[in-house]
Protein backbone atom coordinates (compact mmCIF):
# COMPACT_ATOMS: atom_id res chain seq x y z
CA UNK A 1 -1.53 0.20 15.39
CA UNK A 2 0.34 0.62 12.12
CA UNK A 3 3.57 1.51 13.90
CA UNK A 4 5.52 -1.23 15.67
CA UNK A 5 6.63 -0.53 19.22
CA UNK A 6 9.98 -2.21 19.68
CA UNK A 7 10.02 -4.55 22.64
CA UNK A 8 6.24 -4.24 23.10
CA UNK A 9 4.41 -5.32 19.95
CA UNK A 10 4.74 -5.49 16.17
CA UNK A 11 2.61 -3.36 13.89
CA UNK A 12 -0.88 -4.76 13.38
CA UNK A 13 -1.77 -2.85 10.21
CA UNK A 14 0.14 -2.47 6.98
CA UNK A 15 0.00 0.85 5.18
CA UNK A 16 -2.47 -0.68 2.70
CA UNK A 17 -4.83 -1.88 5.44
CA UNK A 18 -4.55 1.46 7.22
CA UNK A 19 -5.50 3.37 4.06
CA UNK A 20 -8.46 1.08 3.37
CA UNK A 21 -9.68 1.42 6.96
CA UNK A 22 -9.29 5.18 6.79
CA UNK A 23 -11.21 5.32 3.52
CA UNK A 24 -14.06 3.27 5.01
CA UNK A 25 -14.01 5.44 8.14
CA UNK A 26 -14.29 8.57 5.99
CA UNK A 27 -17.19 7.06 4.04
CA UNK A 28 -18.99 6.12 7.25
CA UNK A 29 -18.51 9.62 8.64
CA UNK A 30 -19.75 11.23 5.44
CA UNK A 31 -22.71 8.87 5.12
CA UNK A 32 -23.84 9.43 8.73
CA UNK A 33 -23.83 13.20 8.27
CA UNK A 34 -25.12 13.51 4.69
CA UNK A 35 -28.83 13.25 5.33
CA UNK A 36 -30.00 14.38 1.91
CA UNK A 37 -27.27 12.72 -0.17
CA UNK A 38 -28.22 9.88 -2.50
CA UNK A 39 -25.64 7.15 -2.94
CA UNK A 40 -25.20 5.89 -6.46
CA UNK A 41 -24.48 2.27 -7.33
CA UNK A 42 -20.98 3.20 -8.51
CA UNK A 43 -19.99 4.64 -5.11
CA UNK A 44 -21.53 1.71 -3.25
CA UNK A 45 -19.62 -0.71 -5.48
CA UNK A 46 -16.32 1.10 -4.79
CA UNK A 47 -16.89 1.05 -1.04
CA UNK A 48 -17.86 -2.62 -1.14
CA UNK A 49 -14.73 -3.50 -3.13
CA UNK A 50 -12.57 -1.70 -0.57
CA UNK A 51 -14.32 -3.49 2.29
CA UNK A 52 -13.77 -6.88 0.65
CA UNK A 53 -10.09 -6.10 0.00
CA UNK A 54 -9.71 -5.03 3.61
CA UNK A 55 -11.35 -8.20 4.91
CA UNK A 56 -8.85 -10.35 3.04
CA UNK A 57 -5.84 -8.25 4.04
CA UNK A 58 -6.94 -7.73 7.64
CA UNK A 59 -7.45 -11.44 8.37
CA UNK A 60 -3.91 -12.21 7.19
CA UNK A 61 -2.46 -9.31 9.14
CA UNK A 62 -4.21 -10.32 12.36
CA UNK A 63 -2.91 -13.89 11.99
CA UNK A 64 0.61 -12.56 11.35
CA UNK A 65 0.36 -10.18 14.32
CA UNK A 66 -0.77 -12.96 16.66
CA UNK A 67 1.93 -15.34 15.45
CA UNK A 68 4.58 -12.67 16.09
CA UNK A 69 3.21 -12.35 19.63
CA UNK A 70 3.32 -16.14 20.01
CA UNK A 71 -0.46 -16.46 20.26
CA UNK A 72 -2.37 -19.06 18.27
CA UNK A 73 -5.22 -17.71 16.14
CA UNK A 74 -8.54 -19.54 16.25
């Protein structure tokens, strides 16, 4: 969804949002499969900061995407 399809839809995700989502996806994958790994507060803080950045960016991008489609966001 980061690539626009001309005549169909605009891109939903910017490169920044895509990278943040991918980073969170990688963390989730690692965390689910690292049964004996202890997470330190520093790593948790970094992941939380990325998630909060993504939340702010993603909300704006969804609103922009919907407005380009001519749909009103709630």
